[in-house]
Amino acid sequence: MSEYYDGVLDEVMERVRPYIGAGTVADYIPQLAKVDPEQFGFTMATVGGDLHSIGSATTRFSMQSITKVFTLALVMGRSDHNVWARVHREPSGNAFNSLYQLEFENGIARNPFINPGAIVVTDQLLNDTGDAFTALRDLLREETGSPDLDTDHRTAASELATGDRNRALAYLMSGFDNMLEPVPEVLDHYVRQCAITISCEELALAGLLLARHGRRADGTSLLDQGQARRIMALMLTCGTYDAAGEFAYRIGLPCKSGVGGGILAIVPGRYSLAAWGPGLGEKGNSVSAALALEAFTDITGFSVF
């Protein structure tokens, strides 16, 4: 079986190679603007924990919005009934940091994977645990087996310094009584979460939490099967900014992307896939990572459809 996986990944690399470096790095976050775009990594983790990788799969990159999957899992494992009164579950059809849509809908974000919704989820996790950042970091350390996994403080500082739009979103929600904790404290935890760095191999291991339907690496359950299924449904419909329909059409798997260039994808019950390429397309998703996932599903035929 290992030879089969190696052959699949070799073909993925051949298809992606001409596009490595394509796209534009996320230059609106100063630290991310410094990342070399000529990098690419891909890892497939089986539900048994075996890893198969190509490219720069051990190079760490900024998780950014991919962390939203794991903060949501932590909240749903504790207070699922509370958070859905504060954030909806519909695709937005607008920019991930739209103020207009939030104002029009009375401070309730469309879904937990756009910025206002993710800020609400972090707010809920902070209220639940007293330390949202540490709760997320500890989960990722335990699922990846990497005790040194942590935030990049320079990236967090640069995001906080340039994060006026996020502050505006959070204060607007506070004005609609949709924040539990002080806005500055919530945003501090939020940007430190987003600035966690991770490799493709580590991300694929973390994603097995969903591939195993909510069961953790130590065999305990963070989520029940229904909760894991619902998170993956949100990844499919809302996980790639305003390109979710295109991703469903081209890839056919639940995906969550981040502007650090990473994409996490899940083949439920089988695999967790992590792809990374810093160059982003016009919708904010990695060009090479998306092509790698499309190649993988074309070659293997794996899809949720």
C-alpha atoms as a PDB file:
ATOM      1  CA  MET A   1       0.000   0.000   0.000  1.00  0.00           C
ATOM      2  CA  SER A   2       2.890   2.325   0.756  1.00  0.00           C
ATOM      3  CA  GLU A   3       4.091   2.013  -2.849  1.00  0.00           C
ATOM      4  CA  TYR A   4       0.620   2.994  -4.051  1.00  0.00           C
ATOM      5  CA  TYR A   5       0.616   6.140  -1.896  1.00  0.00           C
ATOM      6  CA  ASP A   6       4.140   7.030  -3.033  1.00  0.00           C
ATOM      7  CA  GLY A   7       3.010   6.716  -6.653  1.00  0.00           C
ATOM      8  CA  VAL A   8      -0.018   8.923  -6.049  1.00  0.00           C
ATOM      9  CA  LEU A   9       2.077  11.638  -4.427  1.00  0.00           C
ATOM     10  CA  ASP A  10       4.704  11.467  -7.163  1.00  0.00           C
ATOM     11  CA  GLU A  11       1.968  12.134  -9.715  1.00  0.00           C
ATOM     12  CA  VAL A  12       0.562  14.955  -7.587  1.00  0.00           C
ATOM     13  CA  MET A  13       4.000  16.569  -7.563  1.00  0.00           C
ATOM     14  CA  GLU A  14       4.374  16.256 -11.327  1.00  0.00           C
ATOM     15  CA  ARG A  15       1.041  18.008 -11.873  1.00  0.00           C
ATOM     16  CA  VAL A  16       1.758  20.787  -9.392  1.00  0.00           C
ATOM     17  CA  ARG A  17       5.414  21.459 -10.190  1.00  0.00           C
ATOM     18  CA  PRO A  18       4.767  24.015 -12.979  1.00  0.00           C
ATOM     19  CA  TYR A  19       2.588  26.082 -10.607  1.00  0.00           C
ATOM     20  CA  ILE A  20       4.859  26.224  -7.564  1.00  0.00           C
ATOM     21  CA  GLY A  21       5.348  29.910  -6.839  1.00  0.00           C
ATOM     22  CA  ALA A  22       2.164  30.952  -8.662  1.00  0.00           C
ATOM     23  CA  GLY A  23      -0.084  33.501  -6.980  1.00  0.00           C
ATOM     24  CA  THR A  24       0.711  36.296  -4.543  1.00  0.00           C
ATOM     25  CA  VAL A  25       1.701  36.036  -0.884  1.00  0.00           C
ATOM     26  CA  ALA A  26      -0.562  37.699   1.688  1.00  0.00           C
ATOM     27  CA  ASP A  27       1.273  41.004   1.776  1.00  0.00           C
ATOM     28  CA  TYR A  28      -1.343  42.794   3.897  1.00  0.00           C
ATOM     29  CA  ILE A  29       0.191  40.974   6.893  1.00  0.00           C
ATOM     30  CA  PRO A  30       3.788  42.240   6.968  1.00  0.00           C
ATOM     31  CA  GLN A  31       5.373  39.014   8.247  1.00  0.00           C
ATOM     32  CA  LEU A  32       3.604  36.872   5.651  1.00  0.00           C
ATOM     33  CA  ALA A  33       4.829  39.194   2.904  1.00  0.00           C
ATOM     34  CA  LYS A  34       8.371  37.987   3.679  1.00  0.00           C
ATOM     35  CA  VAL A  35       7.656  34.298   2.955  1.00  0.00           C
ATOM     36  CA  ASP A  36       9.428  32.789  -0.055  1.00  0.00           C
ATOM     37  CA  PRO A  37       6.641  31.854  -2.513  1.00  0.00           C
ATOM     38  CA  GLU A  38       8.777  29.169  -4.224  1.00  0.00           C
ATOM     39  CA  GLN A  39       7.812  26.495  -1.693  1.00  0.00           C
ATOM     40  CA  PHE A  40       5.343  23.619  -1.712  1.00  0.00           C
ATOM     41  CA  GLY A  41       4.512  20.740   0.596  1.00  0.00           C
ATOM     42  CA  PHE A  42       1.904  17.994   0.753  1.00  0.00           C
ATOM     43  CA  THR A  43       1.166  15.296   3.339  1.00  0.00           C
ATOM     44  CA  MET A  44      -1.387  12.522   3.485  1.00  0.00           C
ATOM     45  CA  ALA A  45      -2.033  11.025   6.942  1.00  0.00           C
ATOM     46  CA  THR A  46      -4.002   7.808   7.252  1.00  0.00           C
ATOM     47  CA  VAL A  47      -6.468   7.267  10.100  1.00  0.00           C
ATOM     48  CA  GLY A  48      -3.875   4.916  11.531  1.00  0.00           C
ATOM     49  CA  GLY A  49      -1.406   7.813  11.721  1.00  0.00           C
ATOM     50  CA  ASP A  50       0.929   6.863   8.852  1.00  0.00           C
ATOM     51  CA  LEU A  51       2.392   9.804   6.920  1.00  0.00           C
ATOM     52  CA  HIS A  52       3.249  10.092   3.231  1.00  0.00           C
ATOM     53  CA  SER A  53       4.785  13.388   2.125  1.00  0.00           C
ATOM     54  CA  ILE A  54       6.315  15.285  -0.768  1.00  0.00           C
ATOM     55  CA  GLY A  55       8.065  18.638  -1.001  1.00  0.00           C
ATOM     56  CA  SER A  56       8.640  20.923   1.971  1.00  0.00           C
ATOM     57  CA  ALA A  57       6.284  18.974   4.227  1.00  0.00           C
ATOM     58  CA  THR A  58       8.267  19.663   7.409  1.00  0.00           C
ATOM     59  CA  THR A  59       8.576  23.428   6.874  1.00  0.00           C
ATOM     60  CA  ARG A  60       6.315  25.351   9.215  1.00  0.00           C
ATOM     61  CA  PHE A  61       3.976  28.056   7.955  1.00  0.00           C
ATOM     62  CA  SER A  62       1.342  30.311   9.494  1.00  0.00           C
ATOM     63  CA  MET A  63      -1.943  28.487  10.080  1.00  0.00           C
ATOM     64  CA  GLN A  64      -4.105  31.620   9.948  1.00  0.00           C
ATOM     65  CA  SER A  65      -7.761  30.706   9.269  1.00  0.00           C
ATOM     66  CA  ILE A  66      -7.133  26.953   9.426  1.00  0.00           C
ATOM     67  CA  THR A  67      -7.085  27.368  13.217  1.00  0.00           C
ATOM     68  CA  LYS A  68     -10.794  28.197  13.016  1.00  0.00           C
ATOM     69  CA  VAL A  69     -11.579  24.512  12.486  1.00  0.00           C
ATOM     70  CA  PHE A  70      -9.918  23.554  15.747  1.00  0.00           C
ATOM     71  CA  THR A  71     -11.264  26.414  17.871  1.00  0.00           C
ATOM     72  CA  LEU A  72     -14.741  25.482  16.652  1.00  0.00           C
ATOM     73  CA  ALA A  73     -14.103  21.838  17.583  1.00  0.00           C
ATOM     74  CA  LEU A  74     -13.054  22.882  21.086  1.00  0.00           C
ATOM     75  CA  VAL A  75     -16.159  25.026  21.528  1.00  0.00           C
ATOM     76  CA  MET A  76     -18.519  22.410  20.120  1.00  0.00           C
ATOM     77  CA  GLY A  77     -16.986  19.846  22.468  1.00  0.00           C
ATOM     78  CA  ARG A  78     -17.917  22.085  25.399  1.00  0.00           C
ATOM     79  CA  SER A  79     -20.868  24.338  24.573  1.00  0.00           C
ATOM     80  CA  ASP A  80     -22.279  23.508  21.139  1.00  0.00           C
ATOM     81  CA  HIS A  81     -25.730  24.757  22.140  1.00  0.00           C
ATOM     82  CA  ASN A  82     -24.411  28.218  23.083  1.00  0.00           C
ATOM     83  CA  VAL A  83     -22.335  29.169  20.083  1.00  0.00           C
ATOM     84  CA  TRP A  84     -25.038  28.638  17.441  1.00  0.00           C
ATOM     85  CA  ALA A  85     -27.146  31.363  19.030  1.00  0.00           C
ATOM     86  CA  ARG A  86     -24.268  33.739  18.224  1.00  0.00           C
ATOM     87  CA  VAL A  87     -23.150  32.689  14.721  1.00  0.00           C
ATOM     88  CA  HIS A  88     -24.982  31.215  11.743  1.00  0.00           C
ATOM     89  CA  ARG A  89     -23.996  28.384   9.417  1.00  0.00           C
ATOM     90  CA  GLU A  90     -24.486  29.845   5.934  1.00  0.00           C
ATOM     91  CA  PRO A  91     -21.964  30.801   3.218  1.00  0.00           C
ATOM     92  CA  SER A  92     -21.418  34.536   3.255  1.00  0.00           C
ATOM     93  CA  GLY A  93     -21.095  35.424  -0.428  1.00  0.00           C
ATOM     94  CA  ASN A  94     -19.117  38.465   0.698  1.00  0.00           C
ATOM     95  CA  ALA A  95     -15.575  39.222   1.844  1.00  0.00           C
ATOM     96  CA  PHE A  96     -14.440  37.324   4.934  1.00  0.00           C
ATOM     97  CA  ASN A  97     -14.154  40.616   6.837  1.00  0.00           C
ATOM     98  CA  SER A  98     -17.288  42.353   5.576  1.00  0.00           C
ATOM     99  CA  LEU A  99     -18.673  45.016   7.898  1.00  0.00           C
ATOM    100  CA  TYR A 100     -21.725  45.646   5.751  1.00  0.00           C
ATOM    101  CA  GLN A 101     -23.072  42.119   6.052  1.00  0.00           C
ATOM    102  CA  LEU A 102     -22.488  42.050   9.800  1.00  0.00           C
ATOM    103  CA  GLU A 103     -24.318  45.354  10.298  1.00  0.00           C
ATOM    104  CA  PHE A 104     -27.194  44.243   8.076  1.00  0.00           C
ATOM    105  CA  GLU A 105     -27.590  41.007  10.064  1.00  0.00           C
ATOM    106  CA  ASN A 106     -27.565  42.620  13.505  1.00  0.00           C
ATOM    107  CA  GLY A 107     -24.109  41.522  14.601  1.00  0.00           C
ATOM    108  CA  ILE A 108     -24.593  37.807  13.872  1.00  0.00           C
ATOM    109  CA  ALA A 109     -21.878  36.478  11.543  1.00  0.00           C
ATOM    110  CA  ARG A 110     -22.886  34.225   8.668  1.00  0.00           C
ATOM    111  CA  ASN A 111     -20.599  31.346   9.650  1.00  0.00           C
ATOM    112  CA  PRO A 112     -17.717  30.491  12.017  1.00  0.00           C
ATOM    113  CA  PHE A 113     -15.058  30.498   9.291  1.00  0.00           C
ATOM    114  CA  ILE A 114     -15.242  34.172   8.302  1.00  0.00           C
ATOM    115  CA  ASN A 115     -13.492  36.636  10.601  1.00  0.00           C
ATOM    116  CA  PRO A 116     -16.453  37.893  12.670  1.00  0.00           C
ATOM    117  CA  GLY A 117     -17.735  34.365  13.209  1.00  0.00           C
ATOM    118  CA  ALA A 118     -14.281  33.134  14.192  1.00  0.00           C
ATOM    119  CA  ILE A 119     -13.897  36.033  16.619  1.00  0.00           C
ATOM    120  CA  VAL A 120     -17.179  34.985  18.250  1.00  0.00           C
ATOM    121  CA  VAL A 121     -15.944  31.395  18.516  1.00  0.00           C
ATOM    122  CA  THR A 122     -12.696  32.577  20.143  1.00  0.00           C
ATOM    123  CA  ASP A 123     -14.748  34.756  22.471  1.00  0.00           C
ATOM    124  CA  GLN A 124     -16.835  31.709  23.431  1.00  0.00           C
ATOM    125  CA  LEU A 125     -13.722  29.576  23.950  1.00  0.00           C
ATOM    126  CA  LEU A 126     -12.168  32.297  26.102  1.00  0.00           C
ATOM    127  CA  ASN A 127     -15.370  32.448  28.150  1.00  0.00           C
ATOM    128  CA  ASP A 128     -15.432  28.642  28.459  1.00  0.00           C
ATOM    129  CA  THR A 129     -11.775  28.084  29.351  1.00  0.00           C
ATOM    130  CA  GLY A 130     -10.274  31.372  30.535  1.00  0.00           C
ATOM    131  CA  ASP A 131      -7.438  30.983  27.997  1.00  0.00           C
ATOM    132  CA  ALA A 132      -8.516  30.416  24.398  1.00  0.00           C
ATOM    133  CA  PHE A 133      -5.018  30.531  22.924  1.00  0.00           C
ATOM    134  CA  THR A 134      -3.562  27.955  25.303  1.00  0.00           C
ATOM    135  CA  ALA A 135      -6.561  25.652  24.848  1.00  0.00           C
ATOM    136  CA  LEU A 136      -5.982  25.632  21.083  1.00  0.00           C
ATOM    137  CA  ARG A 137      -2.192  25.369  21.289  1.00  0.00           C
ATOM    138  CA  ASP A 138      -2.412  22.457  23.729  1.00  0.00           C
ATOM    139  CA  LEU A 139      -4.885  20.613  21.504  1.00  0.00           C
ATOM    140  CA  LEU A 140      -2.619  21.008  18.482  1.00  0.00           C
ATOM    141  CA  ARG A 141       0.483  19.990  20.425  1.00  0.00           C
ATOM    142  CA  GLU A 142      -1.223  16.854  21.674  1.00  0.00           C
ATOM    143  CA  GLU A 143      -2.704  15.850  18.313  1.00  0.00           C
ATOM    144  CA  THR A 144       0.548  16.433  16.417  1.00  0.00           C
ATOM    145  CA  GLY A 145       2.937  15.115  19.068  1.00  0.00           C
ATOM    146  CA  SER A 146       4.946  18.367  18.687  1.00  0.00           C
ATOM    147  CA  PRO A 147       5.475  19.957  22.126  1.00  0.00           C
ATOM    148  CA  ASP A 148       7.273  22.974  20.614  1.00  0.00           C
ATOM    149  CA  LEU A 149       4.379  23.978  18.337  1.00  0.00           C
ATOM    150  CA  ASP A 150       3.594  27.612  19.133  1.00  0.00           C
ATOM    151  CA  THR A 151       2.619  31.014  17.812  1.00  0.00           C
ATOM    152  CA  ASP A 152       5.000  33.221  15.854  1.00  0.00           C
ATOM    153  CA  HIS A 153       4.986  36.350  17.967  1.00  0.00           C
ATOM    154  CA  ARG A 154       6.225  38.591  15.147  1.00  0.00           C
ATOM    155  CA  THR A 155       3.317  37.546  12.948  1.00  0.00           C
ATOM    156  CA  ALA A 156       0.856  38.011  15.805  1.00  0.00           C
ATOM    157  CA  ALA A 157       2.243  41.485  16.522  1.00  0.00           C
ATOM    158  CA  SER A 158       2.062  42.485  12.854  1.00  0.00           C
ATOM    159  CA  GLU A 159      -1.529  41.231  12.595  1.00  0.00           C
ATOM    160  CA  LEU A 160      -2.533  43.098  15.730  1.00  0.00           C
ATOM    161  CA  ALA A 161      -0.851  46.290  14.505  1.00  0.00           C
ATOM    162  CA  THR A 162      -2.659  46.129  11.146  1.00  0.00           C
ATOM    163  CA  GLY A 163      -5.934  44.646  12.439  1.00  0.00           C
ATOM    164  CA  ASP A 164      -8.245  47.678  12.420  1.00  0.00           C
ATOM    165  CA  ARG A 165     -10.863  45.815  10.383  1.00  0.00           C
ATOM    166  CA  ASN A 166     -10.983  42.984  12.932  1.00  0.00           C
ATOM    167  CA  ARG A 167     -11.307  45.517  15.731  1.00  0.00           C
ATOM    168  CA  ALA A 168     -14.163  47.160  13.868  1.00  0.00           C
ATOM    169  CA  LEU A 169     -15.905  43.797  13.418  1.00  0.00           C
ATOM    170  CA  ALA A 170     -15.504  42.884  17.076  1.00  0.00           C
ATOM    171  CA  TYR A 171     -16.714  46.243  18.393  1.00  0.00           C
ATOM    172  CA  LEU A 172     -19.662  46.162  15.999  1.00  0.00           C
ATOM    173  CA  MET A 173     -20.649  42.753  17.385  1.00  0.00           C
ATOM    174  CA  SER A 174     -20.145  44.068  20.902  1.00  0.00           C
ATOM    175  CA  GLY A 175     -22.521  46.905  20.040  1.00  0.00           C
ATOM    176  CA  PHE A 176     -25.117  44.231  19.229  1.00  0.00           C
ATOM    177  CA  ASP A 177     -24.408  42.462  22.574  1.00  0.00           C
ATOM    178  CA  ASN A 178     -22.762  39.544  20.798  1.00  0.00           C
ATOM    179  CA  MET A 179     -19.453  39.537  22.714  1.00  0.00           C
ATOM    180  CA  LEU A 180     -18.961  38.004  26.150  1.00  0.00           C
ATOM    181  CA  GLU A 181     -15.398  39.080  26.925  1.00  0.00           C
ATOM    182  CA  PRO A 182     -13.569  42.425  26.437  1.00  0.00           C
ATOM    183  CA  VAL A 183     -12.785  43.012  22.772  1.00  0.00           C
ATOM    184  CA  PRO A 184      -9.035  43.728  23.193  1.00  0.00           C
ATOM    185  CA  GLU A 185      -8.556  40.488  25.144  1.00  0.00           C
ATOM    186  CA  VAL A 186     -10.484  38.424  22.590  1.00  0.00           C
ATOM    187  CA  LEU A 187      -8.501  39.873  19.686  1.00  0.00           C
ATOM    188  CA  ASP A 188      -5.206  39.181  21.467  1.00  0.00           C
ATOM    189  CA  HIS A 189      -6.142  35.495  21.727  1.00  0.00           C
ATOM    190  CA  TYR A 190      -7.516  35.472  18.168  1.00  0.00           C
ATOM    191  CA  VAL A 191      -4.378  36.804  16.481  1.00  0.00           C
ATOM    192  CA  ARG A 192      -2.088  34.562  18.535  1.00  0.00           C
ATOM    193  CA  GLN A 193      -4.187  31.589  17.465  1.00  0.00           C
ATOM    194  CA  CYS A 194      -3.992  32.565  13.800  1.00  0.00           C
ATOM    195  CA  ALA A 195      -0.209  33.078  14.058  1.00  0.00           C
ATOM    196  CA  ILE A 196       0.484  29.495  15.188  1.00  0.00           C
ATOM    197  CA  THR A 197       2.978  27.880  12.810  1.00  0.00           C
ATOM    198  CA  ILE A 198       2.658  24.289  11.672  1.00  0.00           C
ATOM    199  CA  SER A 199       4.054  21.978   8.984  1.00  0.00           C
ATOM    200  CA  CYS A 200       2.083  19.908   6.488  1.00  0.00           C
ATOM    201  CA  GLU A 201       2.961  16.755   8.405  1.00  0.00           C
ATOM    202  CA  GLU A 202       1.774  18.256  11.684  1.00  0.00           C
ATOM    203  CA  LEU A 203      -1.375  19.707  10.143  1.00  0.00           C
ATOM    204  CA  ALA A 204      -2.293  16.386   8.565  1.00  0.00           C
ATOM    205  CA  LEU A 205      -1.906  14.686  11.941  1.00  0.00           C
ATOM    206  CA  ALA A 206      -4.087  17.324  13.607  1.00  0.00           C
ATOM    207  CA  GLY A 207      -6.718  16.895  10.892  1.00  0.00           C
ATOM    208  CA  LEU A 208      -7.095  13.224  11.780  1.00  0.00           C
ATOM    209  CA  LEU A 209      -9.305  14.446  14.622  1.00  0.00           C
ATOM    210  CA  LEU A 210     -12.001  14.939  11.968  1.00  0.00           C
ATOM    211  CA  ALA A 211     -11.040  12.020   9.744  1.00  0.00           C
ATOM    212  CA  ARG A 212     -11.560   9.805  12.800  1.00  0.00           C
ATOM    213  CA  HIS A 213     -14.986  11.416  13.368  1.00  0.00           C
ATOM    214  CA  GLY A 214     -13.987  13.352  16.489  1.00  0.00           C
ATOM    215  CA  ARG A 215     -11.683  10.804  18.110  1.00  0.00           C
ATOM    216  CA  ARG A 216      -8.379  12.179  19.376  1.00  0.00           C
ATOM    217  CA  ALA A 217      -4.916  10.697  18.960  1.00  0.00           C
ATOM    218  CA  ASP A 218      -5.056   9.292  22.516  1.00  0.00           C
ATOM    219  CA  GLY A 219      -8.300   7.457  21.761  1.00  0.00           C
ATOM    220  CA  THR A 220     -10.611   9.772  23.691  1.00  0.00           C
ATOM    221  CA  SER A 221     -13.399  11.698  21.949  1.00  0.00           C
ATOM    222  CA  LEU A 222     -13.496  15.469  21.690  1.00  0.00           C
ATOM    223  CA  LEU A 223     -16.547  15.371  19.414  1.00  0.00           C
ATOM    224  CA  ASP A 224     -19.241  12.856  18.701  1.00  0.00           C
ATOM    225  CA  GLN A 225     -19.645  11.652  15.132  1.00  0.00           C
ATOM    226  CA  GLY A 226     -22.504  14.067  14.430  1.00  0.00           C
ATOM    227  CA  GLN A 227     -20.490  17.083  15.595  1.00  0.00           C
ATOM    228  CA  ALA A 228     -17.503  16.066  13.474  1.00  0.00           C
ATOM    229  CA  ARG A 229     -19.788  15.630  10.475  1.00  0.00           C
ATOM    230  CA  ARG A 230     -21.235  19.113  10.988  1.00  0.00           C
ATOM    231  CA  ILE A 231     -17.806  20.723  11.152  1.00  0.00           C
ATOM    232  CA  MET A 232     -16.833  19.006   7.903  1.00  0.00           C
ATOM    233  CA  ALA A 233     -20.090  20.175   6.325  1.00  0.00           C
ATOM    234  CA  LEU A 234     -19.171  23.750   7.241  1.00  0.00           C
ATOM    235  CA  MET A 235     -15.694  23.236   5.804  1.00  0.00           C
ATOM    236  CA  LEU A 236     -17.248  22.137   2.514  1.00  0.00           C
ATOM    237  CA  THR A 237     -19.714  25.028   2.299  1.00  0.00           C
ATOM    238  CA  CYS A 238     -17.782  27.834   4.007  1.00  0.00           C
ATOM    239  CA  GLY A 239     -14.150  26.801   4.414  1.00  0.00           C
ATOM    240  CA  THR A 240     -12.464  28.428   1.410  1.00  0.00           C
ATOM    241  CA  TYR A 241     -13.652  32.029   1.617  1.00  0.00           C
ATOM    242  CA  ASP A 242     -15.821  32.895  -1.388  1.00  0.00           C
ATOM    243  CA  ALA A 243     -14.622  29.933  -3.473  1.00  0.00           C
ATOM    244  CA  ALA A 244     -16.385  27.088  -1.652  1.00  0.00           C
ATOM    245  CA  GLY A 245     -18.500  26.141  -4.656  1.00  0.00           C
ATOM    246  CA  GLU A 246     -15.432  25.979  -6.888  1.00  0.00           C
ATOM    247  CA  PHE A 247     -13.605  23.815  -4.331  1.00  0.00           C
ATOM    248  CA  ALA A 248     -16.595  21.471  -4.014  1.00  0.00           C
ATOM    249  CA  TYR A 249     -16.712  21.168  -7.804  1.00  0.00           C
ATOM    250  CA  ARG A 250     -12.974  20.701  -8.342  1.00  0.00           C
ATOM    251  CA  ILE A 251     -11.957  18.780  -5.204  1.00  0.00           C
ATOM    252  CA  GLY A 252     -15.111  17.400  -3.605  1.00  0.00           C
ATOM    253  CA  LEU A 253     -13.746  17.259  -0.051  1.00  0.00           C
ATOM    254  CA  PRO A 254     -14.266  19.346   3.106  1.00  0.00           C
ATOM    255  CA  CYS A 255     -11.462  21.935   3.038  1.00  0.00           C
ATOM    256  CA  LYS A 256     -10.296  24.809   5.202  1.00  0.00           C
ATOM    257  CA  SER A 257      -7.743  27.251   3.859  1.00  0.00           C
ATOM    258  CA  GLY A 258      -5.668  30.021   5.391  1.00  0.00           C
ATOM    259  CA  VAL A 259      -3.879  33.020   3.907  1.00  0.00           C
ATOM    260  CA  GLY A 260      -0.585  31.523   5.078  1.00  0.00           C
ATOM    261  CA  GLY A 261      -1.010  29.255   2.047  1.00  0.00           C
ATOM    262  CA  GLY A 262      -2.134  26.085   3.788  1.00  0.00           C
ATOM    263  CA  ILE A 263      -5.215  23.999   3.053  1.00  0.00           C
ATOM    264  CA  LEU A 264      -6.507  21.156   5.219  1.00  0.00           C
ATOM    265  CA  ALA A 265      -8.788  18.599   3.541  1.00  0.00           C
ATOM    266  CA  ILE A 266     -10.514  15.538   4.986  1.00  0.00           C
ATOM    267  CA  VAL A 267     -11.453  12.203   3.440  1.00  0.00           C
ATOM    268  CA  PRO A 268     -13.809  11.065   6.240  1.00  0.00           C
ATOM    269  CA  GLY A 269     -12.865   7.739   7.748  1.00  0.00           C
ATOM    270  CA  ARG A 270      -9.694   7.495   5.630  1.00  0.00           C
ATOM    271  CA  TYR A 271      -7.270  10.396   5.367  1.00  0.00           C
ATOM    272  CA  SER A 272      -6.333  13.884   6.419  1.00  0.00           C
ATOM    273  CA  LEU A 273      -4.574  15.904   3.710  1.00  0.00           C
ATOM    274  CA  ALA A 274      -2.462  19.012   4.215  1.00  0.00           C
ATOM    275  CA  ALA A 275      -1.127  21.062   1.320  1.00  0.00           C
ATOM    276  CA  TRP A 276       0.878  24.288   1.412  1.00  0.00           C
ATOM    277  CA  GLY A 277       2.045  26.872  -1.074  1.00  0.00           C
ATOM    278  CA  PRO A 278       2.380  30.545  -0.032  1.00  0.00           C
ATOM    279  CA  GLY A 279       1.086  32.039  -3.299  1.00  0.00           C
ATOM    280  CA  LEU A 280      -2.626  32.877  -3.153  1.00  0.00           C
ATOM    281  CA  GLY A 281      -5.224  33.275  -5.872  1.00  0.00           C
ATOM    282  CA  GLU A 282      -7.705  36.145  -6.080  1.00  0.00           C
ATOM    283  CA  LYS A 283     -10.074  34.538  -3.533  1.00  0.00           C
ATOM    284  CA  GLY A 284      -7.302  34.096  -0.934  1.00  0.00           C
ATOM    285  CA  ASN A 285      -6.648  30.359  -1.372  1.00  0.00           C
ATOM    286  CA  SER A 286      -3.282  28.803  -2.216  1.00  0.00           C
ATOM    287  CA  VAL A 287      -2.905  28.169  -5.946  1.00  0.00           C
ATOM    288  CA  SER A 288      -0.522  25.214  -5.696  1.00  0.00           C
ATOM    289  CA  ALA A 289      -2.195  23.640  -2.646  1.00  0.00           C
ATOM    290  CA  ALA A 290      -5.602  23.700  -4.339  1.00  0.00           C
ATOM    291  CA  LEU A 291      -4.129  22.151  -7.498  1.00  0.00           C
ATOM    292  CA  ALA A 292      -2.471  19.430  -5.398  1.00  0.00           C
ATOM    293  CA  LEU A 293      -5.745  18.507  -3.719  1.00  0.00           C
ATOM    294  CA  GLU A 294      -7.538  18.496  -7.058  1.00  0.00           C
ATOM    295  CA  ALA A 295      -4.846  16.212  -8.479  1.00  0.00           C
ATOM    296  CA  PHE A 296      -5.143  13.886  -5.477  1.00  0.00           C
ATOM    297  CA  THR A 297      -8.900  13.463  -5.860  1.00  0.00           C
ATOM    298  CA  ASP A 298      -8.589  13.054  -9.643  1.00  0.00           C
ATOM    299  CA  ILE A 299      -5.987  10.304  -9.234  1.00  0.00           C
ATOM    300  CA  THR A 300      -7.590   8.434  -6.336  1.00  0.00           C
ATOM    301  CA  GLY A 301     -11.285   9.086  -6.992  1.00  0.00           C
ATOM    302  CA  PHE A 302     -11.843   9.926  -3.328  1.00  0.00           C
ATOM    303  CA  SER A 303     -14.661  12.412  -2.774  1.00  0.00           C
ATOM    304  CA  VAL A 304     -17.634  12.921  -0.483  1.00  0.00           C
ATOM    305  CA  PHE A 305     -19.874  12.900  -3.558  1.00  0.00           C
END
